[in-house]
Amino acid sequence: MQANSEPAAFYERRLSDSDSHCGQFIPCYNPHMNALGIRPRVAELVFQLYGRPLHPELFDIFAMRRFEREGYEVRIWITRTGHVITFENDDVLLTEVADADQSFSAQRRFLRYHMRGEHCGQFAACNDIIYHTSFQVETVAEGIFVTLHDELLTDGAKRGILHRFPASHRFAPPPLGYVIVETRIDCLMFSTFHTFPEENTIIKSQTVIERQRP
């Protein structure tokens, strides 16, 4: 089955001073950010799935993408500490969050994991929609991290949505947030990569949302 990682209906926006969710490109208050606005440590992050929308003002959004296909819509936000991906059709709304733990309400929360090691999860929504996800937190040697970082930069120039955050110092690689979407018949696949140079760590996840056939 042929995959399409760049649907024609895709469009991308980078937030500017005039259209930031705060009206200016000034981060909203988030108690998990330090004074320099640097990403928190990986140990402070969580991966969650909700059956409800989450308001954009809860996050510092640096890049976004939205696309529509017949029967559904997908919204992707790259945030300061990860991503938020929302899938919505007439029957189902699912919001995947990989971000700092802000202690959101547990209302309609279906999955929750701390960002450690490897995890897999699944949720069966209504009307035969199935959500599958897996993620891995990988810490590697500095030289390997730099190689992987450069590969993500190269790939991000060709497809997907990539955001480069400010580096911690002049010679350090910048943290990256990178999301790739592939569409197939009755199936969506999201691959995400978030890098943390100060810890030589990459968080990788893959999510599939599919409609099961009888």
Protein backbone atom coordinates (compact mmCIF):
# COMPACT_ATOMS: atom_id res chain seq x y z
CA MET A 1 0.00 0.00 0.00
CA GLN A 2 1.48 3.32 -1.04
CA ALA A 3 2.05 5.84 1.77
CA ASN A 4 1.74 9.58 1.35
CA SER A 5 3.68 11.66 3.88
CA GLU A 6 2.63 15.06 2.47
CA PRO A 7 -1.12 15.17 1.69
CA ALA A 8 -2.19 17.90 -0.70
CA ALA A 9 -4.45 19.39 1.95
CA PHE A 10 -1.52 20.00 4.31
CA TYR A 11 -0.48 23.51 5.15
CA GLU A 12 2.04 24.78 7.64
CA ARG A 13 2.29 27.99 9.65
CA ARG A 14 5.09 29.27 11.80
CA LEU A 15 3.83 31.44 14.61
CA SER A 16 4.65 35.12 14.19
CA ASP A 17 4.28 38.15 16.45
CA SER A 18 0.84 38.80 15.02
CA ASP A 19 -0.68 35.33 15.23
CA SER A 20 0.82 33.74 18.33
CA HIS A 21 -1.83 32.25 20.59
CA CYS A 22 -1.03 34.96 23.14
CA GLY A 23 -1.33 37.79 20.62
CA GLN A 24 2.44 38.31 20.89
CA PHE A 25 5.29 35.85 20.64
CA ILE A 26 5.72 35.77 24.42
CA PRO A 27 5.40 32.35 26.04
CA CYS A 28 2.40 31.81 28.27
CA TYR A 29 3.23 31.05 31.88
CA ASN A 30 4.17 27.44 32.45
CA PRO A 31 5.51 26.46 35.88
CA HIS A 32 7.67 23.74 34.33
CA MET A 33 9.77 26.18 32.27
CA ASN A 34 12.91 27.70 33.73
CA ALA A 35 13.88 31.35 33.35
CA LEU A 36 15.71 30.76 30.07
CA GLY A 37 12.78 28.99 28.46
CA ILE A 38 14.86 25.84 27.95
CA ARG A 39 13.15 22.47 27.76
CA PRO A 40 12.81 20.63 31.07
CA ARG A 41 14.60 17.36 31.65
CA VAL A 42 13.19 14.27 29.99
CA ALA A 43 12.28 12.80 33.39
CA GLU A 44 9.70 15.59 33.82
CA LEU A 45 7.76 14.69 30.66
CA VAL A 46 4.65 12.52 30.26
CA PHE A 47 2.87 10.89 27.31
CA GLN A 48 -0.93 10.99 27.49
CA LEU A 49 -4.05 10.32 25.43
CA TYR A 50 -7.30 12.20 25.98
CA GLY A 51 -10.74 11.91 24.49
CA ARG A 52 -11.27 15.67 24.54
CA PRO A 53 -9.62 18.79 23.12
CA LEU A 54 -6.98 20.69 25.09
CA HIS A 55 -6.86 24.47 24.83
CA PRO A 56 -3.84 25.90 22.98
CA GLU A 57 -3.18 28.41 25.76
CA LEU A 58 -2.09 25.48 27.94
CA PHE A 59 1.00 25.08 25.75
CA ASP A 60 3.82 27.12 24.23
CA ILE A 61 3.25 26.36 20.54
CA PHE A 62 6.13 27.07 18.15
CA ALA A 63 4.89 25.42 14.94
CA MET A 64 1.60 24.01 13.79
CA ARG A 65 0.11 22.09 10.92
CA ARG A 66 -3.44 21.12 10.10
CA PHE A 67 -4.95 18.98 7.39
CA GLU A 68 -8.37 17.74 6.42
CA ARG A 69 -9.37 14.67 4.52
CA GLU A 70 -12.86 13.50 3.74
CA GLY A 71 -14.35 12.61 7.09
CA TYR A 72 -11.63 13.76 9.52
CA GLU A 73 -9.24 16.53 10.55
CA VAL A 74 -5.80 16.40 12.17
CA ARG A 75 -4.09 19.23 14.07
CA ILE A 76 -0.41 19.09 14.99
CA TRP A 77 1.35 21.44 17.41
CA ILE A 78 5.06 21.32 18.18
CA THR A 79 5.36 22.67 21.69
CA ARG A 80 8.32 23.78 23.77
CA THR A 81 8.58 20.35 25.35
CA GLY A 82 7.07 17.97 22.80
CA HIS A 83 3.88 17.82 20.75
CA VAL A 84 0.09 17.78 20.78
CA ILE A 85 -1.72 15.88 18.01
CA THR A 86 -5.51 15.93 17.71
CA PHE A 87 -7.54 13.61 15.50
CA GLU A 88 -11.21 14.43 15.02
CA ASN A 89 -14.10 13.07 12.98
CA ASP A 90 -17.87 13.09 13.47
CA ASP A 91 -17.68 10.38 16.13
CA VAL A 92 -14.24 10.48 17.74
CA LEU A 93 -11.87 13.09 19.13
CA LEU A 94 -8.46 11.92 20.36
CA THR A 95 -5.67 14.18 21.65
CA GLU A 96 -2.15 12.80 22.07
CA VAL A 97 0.10 14.87 24.32
CA ALA A 98 3.85 14.46 24.84
CA ASP A 99 4.76 17.38 27.07
CA ALA A 100 5.69 18.54 30.56
CA ASP A 101 3.44 17.15 33.27
CA GLN A 102 1.00 19.98 34.00
CA SER A 103 -1.35 17.80 36.09
CA PHE A 104 -4.31 18.15 33.76
CA SER A 105 -7.66 16.81 34.88
CA ALA A 106 -8.02 13.07 34.44
CA GLN A 107 -11.38 13.60 32.74
CA ARG A 108 -11.51 11.39 29.62
CA ARG A 109 -7.83 10.49 29.96
CA PHE A 110 -7.29 7.05 28.47
CA LEU A 111 -3.49 6.57 28.64
CA ARG A 112 -0.70 8.09 30.72
CA TYR A 113 3.00 7.16 30.87
CA HIS A 114 6.11 8.82 32.22
CA MET A 115 8.75 9.33 29.53
CA ARG A 116 11.07 6.53 30.57
CA GLY A 117 12.27 3.49 28.68
CA GLU A 118 9.82 1.98 26.20
CA HIS A 119 6.04 1.79 26.35
CA CYS A 120 3.22 0.58 24.11
CA GLY A 121 -0.45 1.43 24.46
CA GLN A 122 -3.76 0.90 22.72
CA PHE A 123 -7.24 2.36 23.01
CA ALA A 124 -10.40 1.19 21.23
CA ALA A 125 -12.64 4.17 20.47
CA CYS A 126 -16.16 3.97 19.10
CA ASN A 127 -17.12 3.02 15.54
CA ASP A 128 -14.15 0.67 15.09
CA ILE A 129 -11.48 3.40 15.48
CA ILE A 130 -8.36 1.93 17.13
CA TYR A 131 -5.45 3.97 18.48
CA HIS A 132 -2.04 2.27 18.82
CA THR A 133 1.10 3.98 20.11
CA SER A 134 4.64 3.19 21.19
CA PHE A 135 7.49 5.39 22.31
CA GLN A 136 11.11 5.01 23.27
CA VAL A 137 13.44 7.23 25.27
CA GLU A 138 16.99 6.61 24.04
CA THR A 139 20.16 8.08 25.54
CA VAL A 140 23.28 7.60 23.40
CA ALA A 141 26.93 8.63 23.25
CA GLU A 142 27.54 12.23 22.21
CA GLY A 143 28.98 11.35 18.79
CA ILE A 144 26.01 9.11 17.97
CA PHE A 145 23.61 11.80 19.15
CA VAL A 146 25.17 14.37 16.81
CA THR A 147 24.91 11.95 13.87
CA LEU A 148 21.25 11.23 14.59
CA HIS A 149 20.58 14.95 15.04
CA ASP A 150 22.07 15.72 11.62
CA GLU A 151 20.00 12.94 10.02
CA LEU A 152 16.81 14.42 11.48
CA LEU A 153 17.73 17.87 10.15
CA THR A 154 18.31 16.44 6.68
CA ASP A 155 15.06 14.50 6.70
CA GLY A 156 13.14 17.47 8.12
CA ALA A 157 14.18 19.59 5.16
CA LYS A 158 12.34 17.17 2.85
CA ARG A 159 9.11 16.35 4.69
CA GLY A 160 7.07 16.74 7.84
CA ILE A 161 7.11 19.63 10.30
CA LEU A 162 10.40 20.49 11.99
CA HIS A 163 11.18 23.14 14.58
CA ARG A 164 14.67 24.07 15.78
CA PHE A 165 14.83 25.53 19.28
CA PRO A 166 17.64 27.83 20.42
CA ALA A 167 20.83 25.98 21.35
CA SER A 168 22.04 26.18 24.94
CA HIS A 169 25.39 27.58 23.77
CA ARG A 170 27.20 28.46 20.56
CA PHE A 171 28.64 25.04 19.77
CA ALA A 172 25.74 22.87 20.95
CA PRO A 173 23.24 21.32 18.54
CA PRO A 174 19.80 22.91 18.86
CA PRO A 175 16.97 20.84 20.34
CA LEU A 176 14.57 19.63 17.65
CA GLY A 177 10.87 18.86 17.47
CA TYR A 178 9.95 16.83 14.38
CA VAL A 179 6.66 15.21 13.31
CA ILE A 180 6.00 13.14 10.17
CA VAL A 181 2.50 12.11 9.08
CA GLU A 182 1.74 9.30 6.65
CA THR A 183 -1.75 8.67 5.33
CA ARG A 184 -3.13 5.42 4.00
CA ILE A 185 -6.58 4.05 3.33
CA ASP A 186 -8.36 3.86 6.70
CA CYS A 187 -5.11 4.57 8.51
CA LEU A 188 -3.00 7.48 9.79
CA MET A 189 0.55 7.12 11.11
CA PHE A 190 2.49 9.73 13.09
CA SER A 191 6.22 9.47 13.76
CA THR A 192 7.69 12.01 16.19
CA PHE A 193 11.21 12.86 17.33
CA HIS A 194 12.19 15.22 20.13
CA THR A 195 15.87 15.77 20.93
CA PHE A 196 17.47 16.86 24.19
CA PRO A 197 21.13 17.66 23.48
CA GLU A 198 22.10 18.36 27.09
CA GLU A 199 21.12 14.78 27.94
CA ASN A 200 22.13 13.22 24.57
CA THR A 201 18.60 11.85 24.49
CA ILE A 202 16.02 11.37 21.74
CA ILE A 203 12.36 10.59 22.36
CA LYS A 204 10.83 8.67 19.45
CA SER A 205 7.19 7.73 19.11
CA GLN A 206 4.97 6.13 16.51
CA THR A 207 1.18 6.28 16.57
CA VAL A 208 -1.32 4.58 14.27
CA ILE A 209 -5.01 5.48 14.14
CA GLU A 210 -6.97 3.05 12.03
CA ARG A 211 -10.48 1.92 11.29
CA GLN A 212 -10.85 -1.80 11.70
CA ARG A 213 -12.74 -3.56 8.96
CA PRO A 214 -15.28 -6.23 9.97
